Every structure is written in structure tokens, then in C-alpha cells.
């Protein structure tokens, strides 16, 4: 679980847009940038090198 206060303040380092917490995957998702950042041991890893690219469906 990520702290709500922290989540309100975090933004994607690429898009500068808010992140969405995916509890099941333990990731912070940036729809604007199309990536998901991992949360390791309760710490968000907001490095683009560590982000997982999201596959767009449509």
C-alpha cells in the first residue's frame, strides 16, 4: 500500500502528469507516458529505465 499523501504529490517524471496506483501489480501507472513504474519494498522507483512500457489496445 502506498501512502495517499505521497500519491497525491507524485507525478510521472516524463509527462509531469499524476500517477495512478495499481495495487495488484504494485506499480504507479502513467497513462500519459504509457509506462508503469515499479514499487519495490514500498518505495516508488520513478526511473524511466526501470519503467515497464504499457501495450496500447484499441
N, C-alpha and C. Protein backbone atom coordinates (compact mmCIF):
# COMPACT_ATOMS: atom_id res chain seq x y z
N UNK A 1 0.85 -1.19 0.00
CA UNK A 1 0.00 0.00 0.00
C UNK A 1 0.89 1.25 0.00
N UNK A 2 0.53 2.18 -0.81
CA UNK A 2 1.28 3.44 -0.88
C UNK A 2 0.49 4.52 -0.14
N UNK A 3 1.20 5.36 0.54
CA UNK A 3 0.59 6.43 1.33
C UNK A 3 -0.18 7.40 0.42
N UNK A 4 -1.42 7.70 0.76
CA UNK A 4 -2.27 8.59 -0.05
C UNK A 4 -1.65 9.98 -0.17
N UNK A 5 -1.06 10.49 0.90
CA UNK A 5 -0.43 11.82 0.88
C UNK A 5 0.68 11.85 -0.17
N UNK A 6 1.50 10.79 -0.20
CA UNK A 6 2.59 10.71 -1.16
C UNK A 6 2.05 10.58 -2.58
N UNK A 7 1.06 9.74 -2.78
CA UNK A 7 0.50 9.53 -4.11
C UNK A 7 -0.06 10.82 -4.70
N UNK A 8 -0.65 11.66 -3.87
CA UNK A 8 -1.18 12.94 -4.34
C UNK A 8 -0.09 13.87 -4.86
N UNK A 9 1.13 13.68 -4.43
CA UNK A 9 2.22 14.58 -4.78
C UNK A 9 3.14 14.06 -5.87
N UNK A 10 3.10 12.75 -6.11
CA UNK A 10 3.96 12.17 -7.12
C UNK A 10 3.43 12.43 -8.53
N UNK A 11 4.34 12.70 -9.44
CA UNK A 11 3.98 12.85 -10.86
C UNK A 11 4.97 12.03 -11.69
N UNK A 12 4.56 11.70 -12.88
CA UNK A 12 5.43 10.99 -13.82
C UNK A 12 6.60 11.91 -14.19
N UNK A 13 7.83 11.42 -14.12
CA UNK A 13 8.97 12.26 -14.48
C UNK A 13 9.03 12.57 -15.98
N UNK A 14 8.33 11.80 -16.81
CA UNK A 14 8.32 12.03 -18.25
C UNK A 14 7.23 13.03 -18.64
N UNK A 15 6.00 12.75 -18.22
CA UNK A 15 4.86 13.57 -18.64
C UNK A 15 4.49 14.68 -17.67
N UNK A 16 4.97 14.58 -16.44
CA UNK A 16 4.63 15.53 -15.37
C UNK A 16 3.14 15.50 -15.02
N UNK A 17 2.51 14.37 -15.30
CA UNK A 17 1.08 14.17 -15.01
C UNK A 17 0.96 13.25 -13.80
N UNK A 18 -0.20 13.28 -13.11
CA UNK A 18 -0.40 12.40 -11.94
C UNK A 18 -0.29 10.93 -12.31
N UNK A 19 0.06 10.15 -11.31
CA UNK A 19 0.19 8.70 -11.46
C UNK A 19 -1.00 8.01 -10.81
N UNK A 20 -1.32 6.82 -11.31
CA UNK A 20 -2.42 6.01 -10.76
C UNK A 20 -1.80 4.78 -10.12
N UNK A 21 -2.21 4.50 -8.89
CA UNK A 21 -1.68 3.36 -8.16
C UNK A 21 -2.42 2.09 -8.55
N UNK A 22 -1.68 1.09 -9.03
CA UNK A 22 -2.22 -0.23 -9.34
C UNK A 22 -1.76 -1.15 -8.22
N UNK A 23 -2.66 -1.38 -7.27
CA UNK A 23 -2.30 -2.16 -6.08
C UNK A 23 -1.95 -3.61 -6.43
N UNK A 24 -2.71 -4.21 -7.34
CA UNK A 24 -2.48 -5.62 -7.70
C UNK A 24 -1.09 -5.82 -8.31
N UNK A 25 -0.67 -4.91 -9.17
CA UNK A 25 0.63 -5.02 -9.83
C UNK A 25 1.75 -4.36 -9.05
N UNK A 26 1.41 -3.61 -7.99
CA UNK A 26 2.39 -2.84 -7.23
C UNK A 26 3.19 -1.93 -8.16
N UNK A 27 2.44 -1.10 -8.91
CA UNK A 27 3.03 -0.17 -9.86
C UNK A 27 2.30 1.17 -9.79
N UNK A 28 2.99 2.20 -10.24
CA UNK A 28 2.39 3.51 -10.46
C UNK A 28 2.31 3.71 -11.96
N UNK A 29 1.11 3.88 -12.46
CA UNK A 29 0.86 3.91 -13.89
C UNK A 29 0.73 5.35 -14.38
N UNK A 30 1.41 5.62 -15.48
CA UNK A 30 1.29 6.90 -16.17
C UNK A 30 0.65 6.63 -17.53
N UNK A 31 -0.65 6.87 -17.62
CA UNK A 31 -1.34 6.68 -18.90
C UNK A 31 -0.81 7.66 -19.94
N UNK A 32 -0.46 8.86 -19.52
CA UNK A 32 0.04 9.89 -20.44
C UNK A 32 1.35 9.47 -21.11
N UNK A 33 2.23 8.82 -20.36
CA UNK A 33 3.52 8.40 -20.90
C UNK A 33 3.50 6.96 -21.40
N UNK A 34 2.46 6.21 -21.01
CA UNK A 34 2.36 4.82 -21.44
C UNK A 34 3.33 3.89 -20.76
N UNK A 35 3.62 4.19 -19.48
CA UNK A 35 4.55 3.35 -18.71
C UNK A 35 4.01 3.11 -17.31
N UNK A 36 4.57 2.09 -16.66
CA UNK A 36 4.25 1.79 -15.27
C UNK A 36 5.55 1.67 -14.49
N UNK A 37 5.63 2.39 -13.39
CA UNK A 37 6.83 2.40 -12.56
C UNK A 37 6.64 1.41 -11.40
N UNK A 38 7.66 0.61 -11.11
CA UNK A 38 7.52 -0.37 -10.03
C UNK A 38 7.58 0.27 -8.65
N UNK A 39 6.99 -0.43 -7.70
CA UNK A 39 7.13 -0.07 -6.28
C UNK A 39 7.87 -1.24 -5.64
N UNK A 40 9.05 -0.97 -5.12
CA UNK A 40 9.87 -2.01 -4.53
C UNK A 40 10.07 -1.74 -3.04
N UNK A 41 9.67 -2.70 -2.24
CA UNK A 41 9.76 -2.58 -0.78
C UNK A 41 9.09 -1.31 -0.29
N UNK A 42 7.97 -0.94 -0.93
CA UNK A 42 7.21 0.23 -0.53
C UNK A 42 7.73 1.55 -1.07
N UNK A 43 8.77 1.50 -1.90
CA UNK A 43 9.39 2.71 -2.43
C UNK A 43 9.14 2.81 -3.94
N UNK A 44 8.48 3.88 -4.41
CA UNK A 44 8.29 4.04 -5.84
C UNK A 44 9.63 4.29 -6.55
N UNK A 45 9.85 3.56 -7.64
CA UNK A 45 11.07 3.71 -8.43
C UNK A 45 10.68 4.47 -9.69
N UNK A 46 10.87 5.79 -9.67
CA UNK A 46 10.43 6.65 -10.77
C UNK A 46 11.56 6.94 -11.74
N UNK A 47 12.20 5.89 -12.19
CA UNK A 47 13.25 5.99 -13.19
C UNK A 47 12.72 5.40 -14.49
N UNK A 48 12.81 6.15 -15.58
CA UNK A 48 12.28 5.68 -16.85
C UNK A 48 12.97 4.38 -17.27
N UNK A 49 14.22 4.19 -16.88
CA UNK A 49 14.94 2.96 -17.21
C UNK A 49 14.33 1.74 -16.53
N UNK A 50 13.64 1.95 -15.42
CA UNK A 50 13.02 0.85 -14.67
C UNK A 50 11.54 0.67 -14.99
N UNK A 51 10.98 1.57 -15.79
CA UNK A 51 9.55 1.54 -16.10
C UNK A 51 9.24 0.43 -17.10
N UNK A 52 8.01 -0.09 -16.98
CA UNK A 52 7.51 -1.09 -17.91
C UNK A 52 6.64 -0.37 -18.93
N UNK A 53 6.89 -0.63 -20.20
CA UNK A 53 6.10 0.00 -21.27
C UNK A 53 4.75 -0.69 -21.34
N UNK A 54 3.69 0.11 -21.36
CA UNK A 54 2.34 -0.42 -21.46
C UNK A 54 1.98 -0.63 -22.92
N UNK A 55 1.34 -1.73 -23.20
CA UNK A 55 0.89 -2.03 -24.55
C UNK A 55 -0.48 -1.41 -24.75
N UNK A 56 -0.61 -0.57 -25.75
CA UNK A 56 -1.90 0.07 -26.06
C UNK A 56 -2.78 -0.91 -26.80
N UNK A 57 -4.04 -0.98 -26.39
CA UNK A 57 -5.02 -1.80 -27.10
C UNK A 57 -6.07 -0.89 -27.70
N UNK A 58 -6.57 -1.27 -28.80
CA UNK A 58 -7.57 -0.39 -29.36
C UNK A 58 -8.09 -0.92 -30.60
